[in-house]
């Protein structure tokens, strides 16, 4: 994902020091129960739509924006499915960060799933029993979002 300008500006002051970031992730289901995935440019793996919130941006609105920008799909956020502090990471350029990720269950509204930005090489819908290989965190997020009602998942 391209680095938002506000992070580039912060990095000018803090260098590679750890940075706590707010992330959003969408598990978008269509009427057939399929899941929307993107194939990322940087590693060619399939992934859920995700992104970094801009300062002051509301999480659900930021996620709807990310889904539209990356896939051309209009989606509606139905509920918060999970709230998880992801493990700290070090990016290839040496930047250290950790995400607090809000995962939302979303419903397809309109649009044709397509590559709509420079971050992805493919966008497609997948049946739950035909998902490509995904990172474990994506599998868990899909499981949490598959629950239609109830409280979001979080560690206690």
Protein backbone atom coordinates (compact mmCIF):
# COMPACT_ATOMS: atom_id res chain seq x y z
CA UNK A 1 0.00 0.00 0.00
CA UNK A 2 1.36 3.43 -0.77
CA UNK A 3 2.48 5.32 2.29
CA UNK A 4 0.08 8.16 3.15
CA UNK A 5 1.61 11.64 3.13
CA UNK A 6 1.05 12.13 6.87
CA UNK A 7 3.22 9.08 7.61
CA UNK A 8 5.96 10.25 5.25
CA UNK A 9 5.98 13.57 7.14
CA UNK A 10 6.10 11.81 10.52
CA UNK A 11 8.97 9.62 9.35
CA UNK A 12 10.97 12.76 8.49
CA UNK A 13 10.90 13.53 12.23
CA UNK A 14 11.07 10.09 13.84
CA UNK A 15 13.08 8.09 11.31
CA UNK A 16 12.54 4.34 11.61
CA UNK A 17 11.25 4.47 15.23
CA UNK A 18 8.14 2.42 16.04
CA UNK A 19 4.90 4.01 14.88
CA UNK A 20 1.43 2.97 16.07
CA UNK A 21 -1.06 3.07 13.15
CA UNK A 22 -4.82 2.67 12.79
CA UNK A 23 -5.73 0.17 10.09
CA UNK A 24 -9.01 -1.00 8.64
CA UNK A 25 -9.78 -4.28 6.94
CA UNK A 26 -12.94 -5.27 5.08
CA UNK A 27 -14.42 -8.69 4.59
CA UNK A 28 -16.86 -7.93 1.79
CA UNK A 29 -19.54 -10.54 1.08
CA UNK A 30 -21.71 -10.58 -2.02
CA UNK A 31 -25.25 -12.01 -2.17
CA UNK A 32 -23.83 -15.48 -2.93
CA UNK A 33 -21.64 -15.36 0.20
CA UNK A 34 -18.41 -14.96 -1.78
CA UNK A 35 -15.53 -12.91 -0.36
CA UNK A 36 -13.83 -10.05 -2.23
CA UNK A 37 -10.02 -10.37 -2.40
CA UNK A 38 -7.21 -8.42 -4.01
CA UNK A 39 -3.91 -9.76 -5.28
CA UNK A 40 -1.22 -7.37 -4.05
CA UNK A 41 1.48 -5.94 -6.33
CA UNK A 42 4.32 -6.17 -3.80
CA UNK A 43 4.07 -9.91 -3.03
CA UNK A 44 1.45 -11.33 -5.44
CA UNK A 45 -0.49 -12.91 -2.57
CA UNK A 46 -4.25 -12.65 -2.24
CA UNK A 47 -5.48 -10.47 0.62
CA UNK A 48 -8.50 -8.74 2.09
CA UNK A 49 -8.99 -5.07 1.28
CA UNK A 50 -7.22 -3.01 3.93
CA UNK A 51 -5.69 0.38 4.47
CA UNK A 52 -4.45 3.04 6.84
CA UNK A 53 -6.84 5.62 8.22
CA UNK A 54 -6.08 9.25 7.51
CA UNK A 55 -5.96 11.57 10.56
CA UNK A 56 -9.51 12.35 11.68
CA UNK A 57 -11.09 9.81 9.32
CA UNK A 58 -13.90 7.65 10.69
CA UNK A 59 -13.01 3.93 10.43
CA UNK A 60 -16.11 2.72 8.54
CA UNK A 61 -15.93 5.64 6.10
CA UNK A 62 -12.21 5.08 5.57
CA UNK A 63 -12.80 1.42 4.81
CA UNK A 64 -15.58 2.16 2.30
CA UNK A 65 -13.16 4.57 0.62
CA UNK A 66 -10.39 1.93 0.53
CA UNK A 67 -12.74 -0.69 -0.96
CA UNK A 68 -13.87 1.71 -3.67
CA UNK A 69 -10.33 2.93 -4.45
CA UNK A 70 -8.83 -0.56 -4.66
CA UNK A 71 -11.64 -2.59 -6.25
CA UNK A 72 -14.25 -0.30 -7.81
CA UNK A 73 -16.86 -1.91 -5.54
CA UNK A 74 -19.29 0.08 -3.42
CA UNK A 75 -19.81 -1.63 -0.07
CA UNK A 76 -21.80 -1.03 3.07
CA UNK A 77 -20.29 -1.69 6.49
CA UNK A 78 -22.57 -3.97 8.49
CA UNK A 79 -20.69 -4.38 11.74
CA UNK A 80 -17.34 -4.39 13.50
CA UNK A 81 -16.17 -8.01 13.40
CA UNK A 82 -12.82 -7.81 15.22
CA UNK A 83 -10.45 -5.41 16.91
CA UNK A 84 -6.87 -6.68 17.14
CA UNK A 85 -3.42 -5.25 17.83
CA UNK A 86 -1.33 -6.91 15.12
CA UNK A 87 2.25 -7.93 15.89
CA UNK A 88 4.97 -5.28 15.44
CA UNK A 89 6.61 -5.34 12.03
CA UNK A 90 9.66 -4.00 10.30
CA UNK A 91 9.14 -2.93 6.69
CA UNK A 92 11.79 -3.55 4.00
CA UNK A 93 12.97 0.07 4.33
CA UNK A 94 13.58 -0.38 8.08
CA UNK A 95 10.47 1.47 9.29
CA UNK A 96 8.96 -0.10 12.41
CA UNK A 97 5.22 -0.06 12.92
CA UNK A 98 2.33 -1.81 14.60
CA UNK A 99 -1.30 -1.71 13.52
CA UNK A 100 -4.45 -1.59 15.57
CA UNK A 101 -6.73 -3.18 12.97
CA UNK A 102 -10.48 -2.81 12.92
CA UNK A 103 -11.99 -5.57 10.77
CA UNK A 104 -15.48 -4.97 9.46
CA UNK A 105 -18.10 -7.26 7.93
CA UNK A 106 -19.27 -5.55 4.74
CA UNK A 107 -21.96 -6.17 2.16
CA UNK A 108 -21.58 -5.62 -1.59
CA UNK A 109 -23.82 -2.80 -2.85
CA UNK A 110 -22.80 -2.16 -6.46
CA UNK A 111 -19.96 -1.96 -8.96
CA UNK A 112 -17.87 -4.42 -10.91
CA UNK A 113 -14.91 -5.90 -9.04
CA UNK A 114 -11.79 -4.77 -10.90
CA UNK A 115 -8.28 -3.49 -10.34
CA UNK A 116 -8.91 0.18 -9.61
CA UNK A 117 -5.49 1.31 -8.34
CA UNK A 118 -1.75 0.63 -8.57
CA UNK A 119 -1.67 -1.51 -5.38
CA UNK A 120 -3.19 -4.63 -6.92
CA UNK A 121 -2.74 -6.84 -9.97
CA UNK A 122 -6.06 -8.70 -9.64
CA UNK A 123 -9.40 -8.45 -7.85
CA UNK A 124 -11.89 -11.30 -7.62
CA UNK A 125 -14.72 -12.89 -5.66
CA UNK A 126 -14.08 -16.27 -4.03
CA UNK A 127 -16.46 -18.82 -2.51
CA UNK A 128 -15.52 -19.61 1.09
CA UNK A 129 -14.62 -23.19 0.14
CA UNK A 130 -12.47 -22.05 -2.81
CA UNK A 131 -10.32 -19.36 -1.17
CA UNK A 132 -6.74 -19.08 -2.43
CA UNK A 133 -3.88 -19.42 0.05
CA UNK A 134 -4.15 -16.56 2.55
CA UNK A 135 -2.15 -15.41 5.56
CA UNK A 136 -3.47 -16.80 8.83
CA UNK A 137 -4.62 -13.37 9.96
CA UNK A 138 -6.82 -13.04 6.85
CA UNK A 139 -8.36 -16.46 7.46
CA UNK A 140 -9.16 -15.48 11.06
CA UNK A 141 -10.64 -12.15 9.91
CA UNK A 142 -12.92 -13.97 7.47
CA UNK A 143 -14.01 -16.31 10.29
CA UNK A 144 -14.77 -13.36 12.59
CA UNK A 145 -16.69 -11.52 9.85
CA UNK A 146 -18.69 -14.64 8.98
CA UNK A 147 -20.55 -14.23 12.27
CA UNK A 148 -23.62 -12.20 11.30
CA UNK A 149 -24.52 -10.89 14.79
CA UNK A 150 -22.88 -10.52 18.15
CA UNK A 151 -19.99 -8.66 19.70
CA UNK A 152 -16.73 -8.18 17.83
CA UNK A 153 -13.79 -10.47 18.50
CA UNK A 154 -11.02 -9.10 20.71
CA UNK A 155 -8.45 -10.54 23.07
CA UNK A 156 -9.05 -10.19 26.79
